Structure formats: C-alpha cells, structure tokens
C-alpha cells in the first residue's frame, strides 16, 4: 500500500472549547504519531494543522467527529494544502 504525506487544515465546530477537546486532539494525534498543532479560535472553533500520511488524516478526522466525552462536535471541515514539512511533533498552541 503506497501512501503519500499530506498537510490538512481542520476546523472543528460545536461545543469544543472549555471541555478538554484540545487535550483529546493532542492525545489522538500523538497516539497516531501525527505532527502539527491544535489551537482554539476566537470564533469558538478549534483549528488543527497536521502533516502525516493521508490514511492517518482520514483516521484522525473520524476520531475528531466523535470528539471527547464532554464535547459536542457539530462539523469537521478539512482542507488539504501544500505539504511544508514544518513540524517535528504535535503540540497545543495557546493565544499569544
């Protein structure tokens, strides 16, 4: 099975702030060995950027649709961008 590396930008909406969702995303990403970051947006959504194998993105997105125990995920928007290979791990970004 040949897989290619991709970059995906993901926006998750619903009840996803203040419920431990970023930590859930962090745990799922590190288990799958996905590189990138997660951060809250001022809109109440959560923004995630990942760079990994395409099949792992699909697996990851399915987990995001389910969400954490306290979250209520309404929508998961995924857009694929040009691969930049800019990450060496996965981290939670905070407002600056």
N, C-alpha and C. Protein backbone atom coordinates (compact mmCIF):
# COMPACT_ATOMS: atom_id res chain seq x y z
N UNK A 1 0.84 -1.19 0.00
CA UNK A 1 0.00 0.00 0.00
C UNK A 1 0.88 1.24 0.00
N UNK A 2 0.75 2.04 -1.02
CA UNK A 2 1.53 3.27 -1.08
C UNK A 2 0.71 4.40 -0.52
N UNK A 3 1.31 5.16 0.36
CA UNK A 3 0.63 6.30 0.96
C UNK A 3 1.46 7.53 0.72
N UNK A 4 0.78 8.66 0.63
CA UNK A 4 1.54 9.89 0.46
C UNK A 4 1.31 10.81 1.64
N UNK A 5 2.32 11.62 1.93
CA UNK A 5 2.22 12.57 3.00
C UNK A 5 1.43 13.78 2.54
N UNK A 6 0.57 14.28 3.43
CA UNK A 6 -0.26 15.43 3.10
C UNK A 6 -0.28 16.40 4.28
N UNK A 7 -0.73 17.62 3.99
CA UNK A 7 -0.97 18.62 5.02
C UNK A 7 -2.47 18.89 5.01
N UNK A 8 -3.08 18.82 6.19
CA UNK A 8 -4.51 19.09 6.30
C UNK A 8 -4.74 20.17 7.34
N UNK A 9 -5.60 21.13 6.97
CA UNK A 9 -6.03 22.15 7.92
C UNK A 9 -7.48 21.82 8.27
N UNK A 10 -7.76 21.72 9.55
CA UNK A 10 -9.05 21.22 10.03
C UNK A 10 -9.65 22.25 10.99
N UNK A 11 -10.94 22.55 10.78
CA UNK A 11 -11.66 23.41 11.70
C UNK A 11 -12.83 22.60 12.26
N UNK A 12 -12.90 22.52 13.60
CA UNK A 12 -13.95 21.76 14.26
C UNK A 12 -14.86 22.75 14.99
N UNK A 13 -16.17 22.61 14.75
CA UNK A 13 -17.12 23.50 15.40
C UNK A 13 -18.07 22.69 16.27
N UNK A 14 -18.73 23.40 17.18
CA UNK A 14 -19.64 22.78 18.14
C UNK A 14 -19.23 23.21 19.54
N UNK A 15 -19.53 22.39 20.52
CA UNK A 15 -19.08 22.65 21.88
C UNK A 15 -17.70 22.01 22.02
N UNK A 16 -16.68 22.77 21.63
CA UNK A 16 -15.32 22.22 21.57
C UNK A 16 -14.30 23.07 22.33
N UNK A 17 -14.77 24.08 23.06
CA UNK A 17 -13.87 24.86 23.90
C UNK A 17 -14.34 24.77 25.34
N UNK A 18 -13.38 24.67 26.24
CA UNK A 18 -13.71 24.58 27.66
C UNK A 18 -14.15 23.19 28.10
N UNK A 19 -13.93 22.20 27.25
CA UNK A 19 -14.37 20.82 27.56
C UNK A 19 -13.24 19.81 27.39
N UNK A 20 -12.00 20.28 27.32
CA UNK A 20 -10.86 19.37 27.17
C UNK A 20 -10.65 18.85 25.77
N UNK A 21 -11.24 19.50 24.77
CA UNK A 21 -11.15 19.00 23.40
C UNK A 21 -9.72 19.07 22.85
N UNK A 22 -9.00 20.16 23.13
CA UNK A 22 -7.62 20.25 22.62
C UNK A 22 -6.74 19.13 23.17
N UNK A 23 -6.96 18.74 24.42
CA UNK A 23 -6.17 17.65 25.02
C UNK A 23 -6.55 16.31 24.39
N UNK A 24 -7.82 16.15 24.10
CA UNK A 24 -8.28 14.97 23.38
C UNK A 24 -7.59 14.90 22.01
N UNK A 25 -7.56 16.03 21.28
CA UNK A 25 -6.91 16.09 19.97
C UNK A 25 -5.42 15.76 20.11
N UNK A 26 -4.78 16.35 21.10
CA UNK A 26 -3.36 16.10 21.34
C UNK A 26 -3.11 14.61 21.57
N UNK A 27 -3.91 13.99 22.42
CA UNK A 27 -3.73 12.57 22.72
C UNK A 27 -3.93 11.69 21.48
N UNK A 28 -4.97 11.98 20.70
CA UNK A 28 -5.22 11.21 19.48
C UNK A 28 -4.08 11.38 18.48
N UNK A 29 -3.63 12.60 18.31
CA UNK A 29 -2.55 12.87 17.35
C UNK A 29 -1.24 12.19 17.77
N UNK A 30 -0.91 12.26 19.05
CA UNK A 30 0.34 11.64 19.48
C UNK A 30 0.26 10.12 19.41
N UNK A 31 -0.92 9.54 19.67
CA UNK A 31 -1.07 8.09 19.52
C UNK A 31 -0.85 7.65 18.07
N UNK A 32 -1.33 8.48 17.13
CA UNK A 32 -1.18 8.16 15.71
C UNK A 32 0.17 8.62 15.13
N UNK A 33 0.98 9.27 15.99
CA UNK A 33 2.29 9.80 15.56
C UNK A 33 2.14 10.83 14.44
N UNK A 34 1.15 11.72 14.62
CA UNK A 34 0.89 12.80 13.67
C UNK A 34 1.57 14.07 14.17
N UNK A 35 2.17 14.83 13.28
CA UNK A 35 2.81 16.10 13.62
C UNK A 35 1.90 17.26 13.27
N UNK A 36 1.99 18.33 14.08
CA UNK A 36 1.20 19.52 13.81
C UNK A 36 0.86 20.24 15.10
N UNK A 37 -0.32 20.91 15.11
CA UNK A 37 -0.74 21.63 16.31
C UNK A 37 -2.26 21.75 16.35
N UNK A 38 -2.76 22.11 17.53
CA UNK A 38 -4.17 22.41 17.74
C UNK A 38 -4.24 23.71 18.53
N UNK A 39 -5.24 24.54 18.21
CA UNK A 39 -5.44 25.76 18.99
C UNK A 39 -6.90 26.19 18.93
N UNK A 40 -7.33 26.91 19.97
CA UNK A 40 -8.66 27.48 19.97
C UNK A 40 -8.68 28.71 19.06
N UNK A 41 -9.82 28.96 18.44
CA UNK A 41 -10.04 30.18 17.67
C UNK A 41 -10.99 31.08 18.45
N UNK A 42 -10.90 32.38 18.20
CA UNK A 42 -11.78 33.33 18.89
C UNK A 42 -13.25 33.12 18.50
N UNK A 43 -13.51 32.40 17.43
CA UNK A 43 -14.87 32.13 16.96
C UNK A 43 -15.55 31.03 17.77
N UNK A 44 -14.80 30.36 18.67
CA UNK A 44 -15.34 29.25 19.43
C UNK A 44 -15.03 27.91 18.79
N UNK A 45 -14.38 27.94 17.63
CA UNK A 45 -14.00 26.71 16.95
C UNK A 45 -12.58 26.31 17.36
N UNK A 46 -12.18 25.13 16.95
CA UNK A 46 -10.82 24.65 17.18
C UNK A 46 -10.16 24.42 15.83
N UNK A 47 -8.92 24.91 15.70
CA UNK A 47 -8.15 24.85 14.46
C UNK A 47 -7.01 23.86 14.65
N UNK A 48 -6.87 22.95 13.69
CA UNK A 48 -5.85 21.91 13.76
C UNK A 48 -5.12 21.87 12.42
N UNK A 49 -3.80 21.81 12.47
CA UNK A 49 -2.99 21.61 11.26
C UNK A 49 -2.16 20.36 11.49
N UNK A 50 -2.23 19.42 10.54
CA UNK A 50 -1.45 18.19 10.65
C UNK A 50 -0.71 17.91 9.35
N UNK A 51 0.43 17.26 9.49
CA UNK A 51 1.19 16.76 8.34
C UNK A 51 1.54 15.31 8.62
N UNK A 52 1.00 14.42 7.80
CA UNK A 52 1.22 12.99 8.01
C UNK A 52 0.75 12.23 6.77
N UNK A 53 0.74 10.92 6.88
CA UNK A 53 0.25 10.09 5.78
C UNK A 53 -1.25 10.32 5.58
N UNK A 54 -1.68 10.29 4.34
CA UNK A 54 -3.07 10.59 4.01
C UNK A 54 -4.06 9.68 4.75
N UNK A 55 -3.75 8.39 4.83
CA UNK A 55 -4.67 7.47 5.50
C UNK A 55 -4.80 7.80 6.99
N UNK A 56 -3.73 8.33 7.62
CA UNK A 56 -3.78 8.71 9.02
C UNK A 56 -4.67 9.94 9.23
N UNK A 57 -4.66 10.86 8.26
CA UNK A 57 -5.54 12.03 8.35
C UNK A 57 -7.00 11.56 8.39
N UNK A 58 -7.34 10.63 7.52
CA UNK A 58 -8.72 10.13 7.47
C UNK A 58 -9.10 9.46 8.80
N UNK A 59 -8.21 8.67 9.36
CA UNK A 59 -8.43 8.02 10.65
C UNK A 59 -8.60 9.07 11.76
N UNK A 60 -7.74 10.06 11.77
CA UNK A 60 -7.75 11.15 12.74
C UNK A 60 -9.07 11.92 12.67
N UNK A 61 -9.51 12.25 11.47
CA UNK A 61 -10.75 13.01 11.28
C UNK A 61 -11.95 12.23 11.80
N UNK A 62 -11.95 10.92 11.61
CA UNK A 62 -13.05 10.11 12.14
C UNK A 62 -13.10 10.21 13.67
N UNK A 63 -11.94 10.23 14.31
CA UNK A 63 -11.89 10.38 15.77
C UNK A 63 -12.36 11.76 16.19
N UNK A 64 -12.01 12.79 15.40
CA UNK A 64 -12.44 14.16 15.71
C UNK A 64 -13.96 14.28 15.63
N UNK A 65 -14.58 13.60 14.69
CA UNK A 65 -16.04 13.66 14.54
C UNK A 65 -16.75 13.11 15.77
N UNK A 66 -16.14 12.13 16.43
CA UNK A 66 -16.71 11.56 17.65
C UNK A 66 -16.47 12.51 18.82
N UNK A 67 -15.24 13.05 18.90
CA UNK A 67 -14.91 14.02 19.94
C UNK A 67 -14.63 13.39 21.29
N UNK A 68 -14.37 14.27 22.25
CA UNK A 68 -14.10 13.84 23.62
C UNK A 68 -15.42 13.64 24.35
N UNK A 69 -15.34 13.10 25.55
CA UNK A 69 -16.56 12.76 26.30
C UNK A 69 -17.43 13.98 26.61
N UNK A 70 -16.83 15.16 26.81
CA UNK A 70 -17.59 16.35 27.17
C UNK A 70 -17.87 17.28 25.99
N UNK A 71 -17.34 16.97 24.83
CA UNK A 71 -17.54 17.85 23.67
C UNK A 71 -18.77 17.41 22.87
N UNK A 72 -19.27 18.35 22.08
CA UNK A 72 -20.34 18.06 21.12
C UNK A 72 -19.88 18.60 19.77
N UNK A 73 -19.42 17.72 18.90
CA UNK A 73 -18.88 18.13 17.61
C UNK A 73 -20.02 18.27 16.60
N UNK A 74 -20.14 19.46 16.03
CA UNK A 74 -21.18 19.71 15.02
C UNK A 74 -20.64 19.49 13.61
N UNK A 75 -19.47 20.08 13.32
CA UNK A 75 -18.89 19.97 11.97
C UNK A 75 -17.38 19.84 12.05
N UNK A 76 -16.83 19.11 11.09
CA UNK A 76 -15.38 19.00 10.92
C UNK A 76 -15.08 19.34 9.46
N UNK A 77 -14.45 20.48 9.25
CA UNK A 77 -14.09 20.91 7.89
C UNK A 77 -12.61 20.62 7.65
N UNK A 78 -12.31 19.92 6.58
CA UNK A 78 -10.93 19.55 6.26
C UNK A 78 -10.56 20.14 4.91
N UNK A 79 -9.43 20.83 4.85
CA UNK A 79 -8.92 21.28 3.55
C UNK A 79 -7.46 20.86 3.45
N UNK A 80 -7.11 20.36 2.29
CA UNK A 80 -5.74 19.90 2.05
C UNK A 80 -4.93 21.02 1.41
N UNK A 81 -3.72 21.21 1.91
CA UNK A 81 -2.83 22.27 1.46
C UNK A 81 -1.51 21.66 1.01
N UNK A 82 -0.63 22.52 0.52
CA UNK A 82 0.69 22.06 0.10
C UNK A 82 1.52 21.65 1.31
N UNK A 83 2.14 20.49 1.23
CA UNK A 83 2.96 19.96 2.31
C UNK A 83 4.17 20.86 2.54
N UNK A 84 4.41 21.23 3.80
CA UNK A 84 5.54 22.10 4.14
C UNK A 84 6.60 21.40 4.99
N UNK A 85 6.28 20.25 5.56
CA UNK A 85 7.19 19.53 6.46
C UNK A 85 7.76 20.44 7.54
N UNK A 86 6.89 21.19 8.19
CA UNK A 86 7.38 22.16 9.18
C UNK A 86 7.26 21.70 10.62
N UNK A 87 6.71 20.51 10.87
CA UNK A 87 6.51 20.05 12.25
C UNK A 87 7.34 18.81 12.56
N UNK A 88 7.81 18.74 13.80
CA UNK A 88 8.55 17.55 14.25
C UNK A 88 7.82 16.84 15.39
N UNK A 89 6.69 17.43 15.83
CA UNK A 89 5.89 16.83 16.90
C UNK A 89 4.48 17.41 16.83
N UNK A 90 3.65 17.10 17.81
CA UNK A 90 2.31 17.69 17.88
C UNK A 90 2.22 18.48 19.17
N UNK A 91 1.64 19.68 19.09
CA UNK A 91 1.58 20.49 20.30
C UNK A 91 0.27 21.28 20.36
N UNK A 92 -0.01 21.74 21.55
CA UNK A 92 -1.17 22.63 21.78
C UNK A 92 -0.64 24.05 21.74
N UNK A 93 -1.23 24.87 20.90
CA UNK A 93 -0.87 26.29 20.82
C UNK A 93 -1.87 27.09 21.65
N UNK A 94 -1.37 28.09 22.35
CA UNK A 94 -2.22 28.94 23.17
C UNK A 94 -2.22 30.35 22.58
N UNK A 95 -3.22 31.15 22.94
CA UNK A 95 -3.28 32.53 22.46
C UNK A 95 -2.02 33.27 22.89
N UNK A 96 -1.57 34.15 22.01
CA UNK A 96 -0.33 34.90 22.33
C UNK A 96 -0.64 36.32 22.68
